[in-house]
C-alpha atoms as a PDB file:
ATOM      1  CA  MET A   1      97.741  91.184  92.884  1.00  0.00           C
ATOM      2  CA  SER A   2      99.429  89.769  95.789  1.00  0.00           C
ATOM      3  CA  ASN A   3     101.064  90.746  99.415  1.00  0.00           C
ATOM      4  CA  PHE A   4     103.910  88.321  98.495  1.00  0.00           C
ATOM      5  CA  LYS A   5     106.875  90.359  97.315  1.00  0.00           C
ATOM      6  CA  VAL A   6     110.038  89.448  95.697  1.00  0.00           C
ATOM      7  CA  ASP A   7     112.414  92.140  93.868  1.00  0.00           C
ATOM      8  CA  LEU A   8     113.545  91.237  90.503  1.00  0.00           C
ATOM      9  CA  SER A   9     113.930  94.603  89.166  1.00  0.00           C
ATOM     10  CA  GLY A  10     116.424  94.877  86.276  1.00  0.00           C
ATOM     11  CA  LYS A  11     116.110  91.159  85.591  1.00  0.00           C
ATOM     12  CA  THR A  12     115.169  89.517  82.337  1.00  0.00           C
ATOM     13  CA  ALA A  13     113.000  86.279  82.561  1.00  0.00           C
ATOM     14  CA  LEU A  14     111.471  83.996  79.997  1.00  0.00           C
ATOM     15  CA  VAL A  15     108.332  81.743  80.707  1.00  0.00           C
ATOM     16  CA  ALA A  16     107.645  78.808  78.099  1.00  0.00           C
ATOM     17  CA  GLY A  17     103.974  78.061  78.427  1.00  0.00           C
ATOM     18  CA  GLY A  18     103.269  81.513  80.124  1.00  0.00           C
ATOM     19  CA  GLY A  19      99.782  81.932  78.138  1.00  0.00           C
ATOM     20  CA  ASP A  20      97.617  80.082  80.572  1.00  0.00           C
ATOM     21  CA  GLY A  21      97.229  78.510  83.830  1.00  0.00           C
ATOM     22  CA  VAL A  22     100.391  78.275  86.224  1.00  0.00           C
ATOM     23  CA  GLY A  23     102.465  79.513  83.573  1.00  0.00           C
ATOM     24  CA  ARG A  24     100.334  82.611  83.315  1.00  0.00           C
ATOM     25  CA  ALA A  25     100.351  83.180  87.024  1.00  0.00           C
ATOM     26  CA  ILE A  26     104.221  82.787  86.939  1.00  0.00           C
ATOM     27  CA  ALA A  27     104.766  85.417  84.011  1.00  0.00           C
ATOM     28  CA  LEU A  28     102.483  88.038  85.761  1.00  0.00           C
ATOM     29  CA  ALA A  29     104.092  87.470  88.862  1.00  0.00           C
ATOM     30  CA  LEU A  30     107.431  87.896  87.452  1.00  0.00           C
ATOM     31  CA  ALA A  31     106.301  91.083  85.870  1.00  0.00           C
ATOM     32  CA  GLU A  32     105.001  92.372  89.219  1.00  0.00           C
ATOM     33  CA  ALA A  33     108.277  91.579  90.870  1.00  0.00           C
ATOM     34  CA  GLY A  34     109.890  94.119  88.409  1.00  0.00           C
ATOM     35  CA  ALA A  35     111.473  91.540  85.653  1.00  0.00           C
ATOM     36  CA  ASN A  36     111.187  92.101  81.991  1.00  0.00           C
ATOM     37  CA  VAL A  37     109.425  89.063  80.625  1.00  0.00           C
ATOM     38  CA  GLY A  38     109.323  87.000  77.599  1.00  0.00           C
ATOM     39  CA  VAL A  39     106.392  84.794  77.169  1.00  0.00           C
ATOM     40  CA  MET A  40     106.189  81.870  74.712  1.00  0.00           C
ATOM     41  CA  ASP A  41     102.941  79.733  74.112  1.00  0.00           C
ATOM     42  CA  LEU A  42     101.740  77.205  71.438  1.00  0.00           C
ATOM     43  CA  ASN A  43      98.421  79.388  71.090  1.00  0.00           C
ATOM     44  CA  PRO A  44      99.220  82.745  69.347  1.00  0.00           C
ATOM     45  CA  ASP A  45      96.209  84.646  70.969  1.00  0.00           C
ATOM     46  CA  ARG A  46      97.713  83.682  74.615  1.00  0.00           C
ATOM     47  CA  ALA A  47     101.457  84.546  73.484  1.00  0.00           C
ATOM     48  CA  ASP A  48     100.039  88.144  72.499  1.00  0.00           C
ATOM     49  CA  ALA A  49      97.687  88.477  75.381  1.00  0.00           C
ATOM     50  CA  ILE A  50      99.891  87.858  78.553  1.00  0.00           C
ATOM     51  CA  PRO A  51     102.501  90.413  77.364  1.00  0.00           C
ATOM     52  CA  ALA A  52      99.596  92.749  76.423  1.00  0.00           C
ATOM     53  CA  ILE A  53      98.459  92.580  80.047  1.00  0.00           C
ATOM     54  CA  ILE A  54     101.890  93.037  81.334  1.00  0.00           C
ATOM     55  CA  ARG A  55     102.636  96.118  79.502  1.00  0.00           C
ATOM     56  CA  GLU A  56      99.096  97.549  80.444  1.00  0.00           C
ATOM     57  CA  ARG A  57     100.098  97.342  83.888  1.00  0.00           C
ATOM     58  CA  GLY A  58     103.418  99.211  83.213  1.00  0.00           C
ATOM     59  CA  GLY A  59     105.740  96.388  82.860  1.00  0.00           C
ATOM     60  CA  HIS A  60     107.883  95.094  79.804  1.00  0.00           C
ATOM     61  CA  ALA A  61     107.225  91.958  77.961  1.00  0.00           C
ATOM     62  CA  THR A  62     107.497  90.397  74.592  1.00  0.00           C
ATOM     63  CA  GLY A  63     105.517  87.564  73.261  1.00  0.00           C
ATOM     64  CA  PHE A  64     106.388  84.503  70.961  1.00  0.00           C
ATOM     65  CA  GLN A  65     104.044  81.651  69.577  1.00  0.00           C
ATOM     66  CA  GLY A  66     106.036  78.497  69.473  1.00  0.00           C
ATOM     67  CA  ASP A  67     106.234  75.010  70.307  1.00  0.00           C
ATOM     68  CA  ILE A  68     108.702  73.691  73.047  1.00  0.00           C
ATOM     69  CA  ALA A  69     109.076  70.372  71.492  1.00  0.00           C
ATOM     70  CA  ASN A  70     110.536  72.286  68.366  1.00  0.00           C
ATOM     71  CA  ARG A  71     113.892  73.215  69.712  1.00  0.00           C
ATOM     72  CA  PHE A  72     114.474  75.854  66.854  1.00  0.00           C
ATOM     73  CA  GLN A  73     111.534  77.577  67.966  1.00  0.00           C
ATOM     74  CA  VAL A  74     112.613  77.518  71.580  1.00  0.00           C
ATOM     75  CA  SER A  75     116.107  78.915  70.321  1.00  0.00           C
ATOM     76  CA  ALA A  76     114.424  81.812  68.557  1.00  0.00           C
ATOM     77  CA  PHE A  77     112.398  82.636  71.761  1.00  0.00           C
ATOM     78  CA  ILE A  78     115.390  82.682  73.780  1.00  0.00           C
ATOM     79  CA  GLU A  79     117.256  84.925  71.342  1.00  0.00           C
ATOM     80  CA  ARG A  80     114.148  87.343  70.891  1.00  0.00           C
ATOM     81  CA  THR A  81     113.805  87.638  74.431  1.00  0.00           C
ATOM     82  CA  ARG A  82     117.599  88.352  74.917  1.00  0.00           C
ATOM     83  CA  ASP A  83     117.689  90.888  71.924  1.00  0.00           C
ATOM     84  CA  THR A  84     114.905  92.741  73.180  1.00  0.00           C
ATOM     85  CA  PHE A  85     116.215  93.164  76.728  1.00  0.00           C
ATOM     86  CA  GLY A  86     119.822  92.799  76.366  1.00  0.00           C
ATOM     87  CA  LYS A  87     120.401  89.653  78.631  1.00  0.00           C
ATOM     88  CA  LEU A  88     118.838  86.792  80.308  1.00  0.00           C
ATOM     89  CA  ASP A  89     118.882  86.159  83.966  1.00  0.00           C
ATOM     90  CA  ILE A  90     115.669  83.606  84.764  1.00  0.00           C
ATOM     91  CA  ALA A  91     113.969  80.957  82.933  1.00  0.00           C
ATOM     92  CA  VAL A  92     110.933  78.798  83.823  1.00  0.00           C
ATOM     93  CA  ASN A  93     109.395  76.115  81.820  1.00  0.00           C
ATOM     94  CA  ALA A  94     105.628  75.699  82.774  1.00  0.00           C
ATOM     95  CA  VAL A  95     104.830  73.540  79.823  1.00  0.00           C
ATOM     96  CA  GLY A  96     102.932  70.407  80.285  1.00  0.00           C
ATOM     97  CA  ALA A  97     101.020  67.842  77.919  1.00  0.00           C
ATOM     98  CA  PHE A  98      98.641  65.751  79.739  1.00  0.00           C
ATOM     99  CA  GLN A  99      95.906  63.159  78.615  1.00  0.00           C
ATOM    100  CA  PRO A 100      94.133  61.265  81.013  1.00  0.00           C
ATOM    101  CA  THR A 101      93.651  58.111  78.947  1.00  0.00           C
ATOM    102  CA  ALA A 102      94.101  54.892  80.706  1.00  0.00           C
ATOM    103  CA  LEU A 103      97.410  52.852  79.889  1.00  0.00           C
ATOM    104  CA  GLN A 104      95.820  50.075  77.839  1.00  0.00           C
ATOM    105  CA  SER A 105      94.064  52.697  75.804  1.00  0.00           C
ATOM    106  CA  VAL A 106      96.154  55.458  75.208  1.00  0.00           C
ATOM    107  CA  ASP A 107      97.374  55.848  71.504  1.00  0.00           C
ATOM    108  CA  GLU A 108     100.857  56.030  70.171  1.00  0.00           C
ATOM    109  CA  TRP A 109     100.679  59.626  69.059  1.00  0.00           C
ATOM    110  CA  ASP A 110      99.622  60.876  72.549  1.00  0.00           C
ATOM    111  CA  VAL A 111     102.333  58.863  74.225  1.00  0.00           C
ATOM    112  CA  ARG A 112     104.954  60.258  71.757  1.00  0.00           C
ATOM    113  CA  ARG A 113     103.358  63.695  71.968  1.00  0.00           C
ATOM    114  CA  GLN A 114     103.583  63.840  75.926  1.00  0.00           C
ATOM    115  CA  ALA A 115     107.215  62.665  75.691  1.00  0.00           C
ATOM    116  CA  GLU A 116     108.086  65.166  73.042  1.00  0.00           C
ATOM    117  CA  VAL A 117     106.502  68.114  75.148  1.00  0.00           C
ATOM    118  CA  ASN A 118     107.128  67.159  78.776  1.00  0.00           C
ATOM    119  CA  LEU A 119     110.762  65.618  78.351  1.00  0.00           C
ATOM    120  CA  VAL A 120     112.441  66.136  75.297  1.00  0.00           C
ATOM    121  CA  GLY A 121     111.141  69.511  75.249  1.00  0.00           C
ATOM    122  CA  SER A 122     112.132  70.273  78.710  1.00  0.00           C
ATOM    123  CA  TYR A 123     115.758  68.941  77.876  1.00  0.00           C
ATOM    124  CA  PHE A 124     116.313  71.161  75.173  1.00  0.00           C
ATOM    125  CA  PHE A 125     114.851  74.214  76.882  1.00  0.00           C
ATOM    126  CA  VAL A 126     117.455  73.465  79.757  1.00  0.00           C
ATOM    127  CA  GLN A 127     120.332  72.911  77.230  1.00  0.00           C
ATOM    128  CA  LEU A 128     119.507  76.184  75.180  1.00  0.00           C
ATOM    129  CA  VAL A 129     118.709  78.533  78.066  1.00  0.00           C
ATOM    130  CA  SER A 130     121.738  77.375  80.072  1.00  0.00           C
ATOM    131  CA  ARG A 131     124.131  78.246  77.215  1.00  0.00           C
ATOM    132  CA  VAL A 132     122.811  81.768  77.163  1.00  0.00           C
ATOM    133  CA  LEU A 133     122.635  82.028  81.073  1.00  0.00           C
ATOM    134  CA  GLN A 134     126.453  81.058  81.327  1.00  0.00           C
ATOM    135  CA  ASP A 135     127.353  83.569  78.643  1.00  0.00           C
ATOM    136  CA  ASP A 136     125.340  86.445  80.654  1.00  0.00           C
ATOM    137  CA  GLY A 137     127.165  85.272  84.119  1.00  0.00           C
ATOM    138  CA  GLY A 138     124.534  82.792  85.424  1.00  0.00           C
ATOM    139  CA  GLY A 139     121.087  82.740  86.601  1.00  0.00           C
ATOM    140  CA  ALA A 140     118.462  80.640  87.825  1.00  0.00           C
ATOM    141  CA  MET A 141     115.763  78.232  86.355  1.00  0.00           C
ATOM    142  CA  VAL A 142     112.805  76.337  87.507  1.00  0.00           C
ATOM    143  CA  MET A 143     110.825  73.560  85.754  1.00  0.00           C
ATOM    144  CA  ILE A 144     107.256  73.013  86.664  1.00  0.00           C
ATOM    145  CA  ALA A 145     106.818  69.376  87.508  1.00  0.00           C
ATOM    146  CA  ASN A 146     103.906  67.606  89.434  1.00  0.00           C
ATOM    147  CA  SER A 147     103.544  66.191  92.635  1.00  0.00           C
ATOM    148  CA  TYR A 148     101.189  63.467  91.342  1.00  0.00           C
ATOM    149  CA  ALA A 149     104.474  62.021  89.656  1.00  0.00           C
ATOM    150  CA  ALA A 150     105.079  60.366  93.013  1.00  0.00           C
ATOM    151  CA  HIS A 151     101.739  58.955  93.394  1.00  0.00           C
ATOM    152  CA  THR A 152      99.082  57.436  90.677  1.00  0.00           C
ATOM    153  CA  LEU A 153      96.063  58.820  88.858  1.00  0.00           C
ATOM    154  CA  ALA A 154      93.122  56.995  87.414  1.00  0.00           C
ATOM    155  CA  GLY A 155      94.801  57.615  83.806  1.00  0.00           C
ATOM    156  CA  GLY A 156      97.813  59.429  82.559  1.00  0.00           C
ATOM    157  CA  ALA A 157     100.724  56.981  82.685  1.00  0.00           C
ATOM    158  CA  PRO A 158     102.727  59.079  80.067  1.00  0.00           C
ATOM    159  CA  TYR A 159     102.298  62.329  81.782  1.00  0.00           C
ATOM    160  CA  LEU A 160     103.434  60.950  85.245  1.00  0.00           C
ATOM    161  CA  ALA A 161     106.376  59.084  83.756  1.00  0.00           C
ATOM    162  CA  THR A 162     107.588  62.225  81.882  1.00  0.00           C
ATOM    163  CA  LYS A 163     107.033  64.649  84.653  1.00  0.00           C
ATOM    164  CA  SER A 164     108.892  62.319  87.081  1.00  0.00           C
ATOM    165  CA  ALA A 165     111.671  62.461  84.425  1.00  0.00           C
ATOM    166  CA  VAL A 166     111.594  66.256  84.627  1.00  0.00           C
ATOM    167  CA  ILE A 167     112.475  66.132  88.438  1.00  0.00           C
ATOM    168  CA  THR A 168     115.619  64.050  87.559  1.00  0.00           C
ATOM    169  CA  LEU A 169     116.367  66.457  84.689  1.00  0.00           C
ATOM    170  CA  ALA A 170     116.392  69.536  87.073  1.00  0.00           C
ATOM    171  CA  ARG A 171     118.523  67.703  89.717  1.00  0.00           C
ATOM    172  CA  GLN A 172     120.902  66.694  87.034  1.00  0.00           C
ATOM    173  CA  ALA A 173     121.232  69.928  85.583  1.00  0.00           C
ATOM    174  CA  ALA A 174     121.743  71.812  88.703  1.00  0.00           C
ATOM    175  CA  ARG A 175     124.752  69.578  89.446  1.00  0.00           C
ATOM    176  CA  GLU A 176     126.365  70.112  86.086  1.00  0.00           C
ATOM    177  CA  LEU A 177     125.428  73.731  85.865  1.00  0.00           C
ATOM    178  CA  ALA A 178     126.471  74.608  89.546  1.00  0.00           C
ATOM    179  CA  PRO A 179     130.268  75.612  88.364  1.00  0.00           C
ATOM    180  CA  HIS A 180     128.449  78.193  85.765  1.00  0.00           C
ATOM    181  CA  ASN A 181     126.760  80.034  88.575  1.00  0.00           C
ATOM    182  CA  ILE A 182     123.265  78.505  87.358  1.00  0.00           C
ATOM    183  CA  ARG A 183     120.734  77.217  89.714  1.00  0.00           C
ATOM    184  CA  VAL A 184     118.101  74.816  88.697  1.00  0.00           C
ATOM    185  CA  ASN A 185     115.096  73.582  90.821  1.00  0.00           C
ATOM    186  CA  ALA A 186     111.486  72.012  90.298  1.00  0.00           C
ATOM    187  CA  VAL A 187     108.473  73.075  91.565  1.00  0.00           C
ATOM    188  CA  CYS A 188     105.990  70.138  91.842  1.00  0.00           C
ATOM    189  CA  ALA A 189     102.653  71.451  91.555  1.00  0.00           C
ATOM    190  CA  GLY A 190      99.526  69.341  92.557  1.00  0.00           C
ATOM    191  CA  ASN A 191      95.679  69.879  93.474  1.00  0.00           C
ATOM    192  CA  ILE A 192      95.843  73.316  91.520  1.00  0.00           C
ATOM    193  CA  ALA A 193      92.420  74.573  90.834  1.00  0.00           C
ATOM    194  CA  ASP A 194      93.384  75.872  87.269  1.00  0.00           C
ATOM    195  CA  ASP A 195      94.984  72.562  86.218  1.00  0.00           C
ATOM    196  CA  ASP A 196      93.935  70.036  83.691  1.00  0.00           C
ATOM    197  CA  LEU A 197      94.514  67.587  86.530  1.00  0.00           C
ATOM    198  CA  PRO A 198      91.698  66.604  89.090  1.00  0.00           C
ATOM    199  CA  THR A 199      91.480  68.727  92.282  1.00  0.00           C
ATOM    200  CA  HIS A 200      89.954  67.771  95.889  1.00  0.00           C
ATOM    201  CA  HIS A 201      90.077  68.805  99.358  1.00  0.00           C
ATOM    202  CA  ASP A 202      91.764  65.680 100.466  1.00  0.00           C
ATOM    203  CA  ASN A 203      94.835  67.256 101.355  1.00  0.00           C
ATOM    204  CA  MET A 204      96.214  68.656 104.742  1.00  0.00           C
ATOM    205  CA  LEU A 205      95.096  72.137 104.038  1.00  0.00           C
ATOM    206  CA  LYS A 206      91.567  71.067 102.857  1.00  0.00           C
ATOM    207  CA  ARG A 207      91.494  73.371  99.836  1.00  0.00           C
ATOM    208  CA  PRO A 208      92.586  73.281  96.102  1.00  0.00           C
ATOM    209  CA  GLY A 209      95.784  75.394  95.619  1.00  0.00           C
ATOM    210  CA  THR A 210      95.910  78.437  92.921  1.00  0.00           C
ATOM    211  CA  PRO A 211      98.251  79.145  90.168  1.00  0.00           C
ATOM    212  CA  GLU A 212      99.255  82.023  92.315  1.00  0.00           C
ATOM    213  CA  ASP A 213     100.343  79.459  94.964  1.00  0.00           C
ATOM    214  CA  VAL A 214     102.842  77.930  92.428  1.00  0.00           C
ATOM    215  CA  ALA A 215     103.727  81.208  91.151  1.00  0.00           C
ATOM    216  CA  HIS A 216     105.041  82.557  94.666  1.00  0.00           C
ATOM    217  CA  ALA A 217     106.932  79.312  95.167  1.00  0.00           C
ATOM    218  CA  THR A 218     108.455  79.690  91.852  1.00  0.00           C
ATOM    219  CA  LEU A 219     109.378  83.446  92.559  1.00  0.00           C
ATOM    220  CA  PHE A 220     111.122  82.516  95.946  1.00  0.00           C
ATOM    221  CA  LEU A 221     113.159  79.716  94.187  1.00  0.00           C
ATOM    222  CA  LEU A 222     114.205  82.143  91.447  1.00  0.00           C
ATOM    223  CA  SER A 223     115.265  85.108  93.968  1.00  0.00           C
ATOM    224  CA  ASP A 224     118.250  85.836  95.747  1.00  0.00           C
ATOM    225  CA  GLY A 225     116.459  84.517  98.926  1.00  0.00           C
ATOM    226  CA  ALA A 226     116.899  81.076  97.406  1.00  0.00           C
ATOM    227  CA  ALA A 227     120.733  81.611  96.504  1.00  0.00           C
ATOM    228  CA  PHE A 228     121.928  78.363  98.209  1.00  0.00           C
ATOM    229  CA  ILE A 229     119.102  76.440  96.942  1.00  0.00           C
ATOM    230  CA  THR A 230     119.585  74.235  93.937  1.00  0.00           C
ATOM    231  CA  GLY A 231     118.664  70.561  92.586  1.00  0.00           C
ATOM    232  CA  GLN A 232     115.548  70.378  94.698  1.00  0.00           C
ATOM    233  CA  ALA A 233     111.913  69.582  94.044  1.00  0.00           C
ATOM    234  CA  LEU A 234     109.627  71.656  95.934  1.00  0.00           C
ATOM    235  CA  ASN A 235     106.111  70.287  96.543  1.00  0.00           C
ATOM    236  CA  VAL A 236     103.301  72.809  96.326  1.00  0.00           C
ATOM    237  CA  ASP A 237     100.247  70.539  96.718  1.00  0.00           C
ATOM    238  CA  GLY A 238      98.755  71.372 100.099  1.00  0.00           C
ATOM    239  CA  GLY A 239     100.424  68.205 101.533  1.00  0.00           C
ATOM    240  CA  ILE A 240      99.199  65.470  99.281  1.00  0.00           C
ATOM    241  CA  ILE A 241     102.845  64.169  98.961  1.00  0.00           C
ATOM    242  CA  SER A 242     103.039  63.643 102.591  1.00  0.00           C
ATOM    243  CA  LEU A 243      99.515  61.568 103.049  1.00  0.00           C
END
């Protein structure tokens, strides 16, 4: 639980990748803010567990096991959430595939899988969600990217390349969807303690971040308090991007 408060009562949100890590924190925070929440995760146990936690806390949630790289499964997830709660207002893509292998060693399957999940899946997520949001009168989307995309790592070139593309996708989507009352932003997480990526204290705040730090930034961008913010990439990384 947190002292950070945003009121999303009466809104319906969906979170792709909502079963673990940052996505889990976002799904729980959305529910705490009063939103109905649809959770999709590749792992069927997590896809069931997070909605169960939300319901135990008095919220409303539904789960869906699916792969964001499969556009038909994403479409089914969107429609199930909308059918369950009657509309859609908010969407978050927190899915990410990361493999730390060095550039000269990574195999073709890993490159293609990261591209399919991080970029192609993100593209069709935005496309499919935006059609529903437009029908429902507008809304807000957040894409979870990574601040390391502006730096380098010891390994993980496909991840960094595709997450950089997600930032560009969010900006382009913001431009094209603004006439339909749809805002799109990216949250660039970095140095998060519950992430697969390395963490350290070599940032301005001298501590790793938490998934809740990312969730709070995401909730703000989805709230009415960010009504004039779109096409932005917000770094939530303790200041690494500026070092």
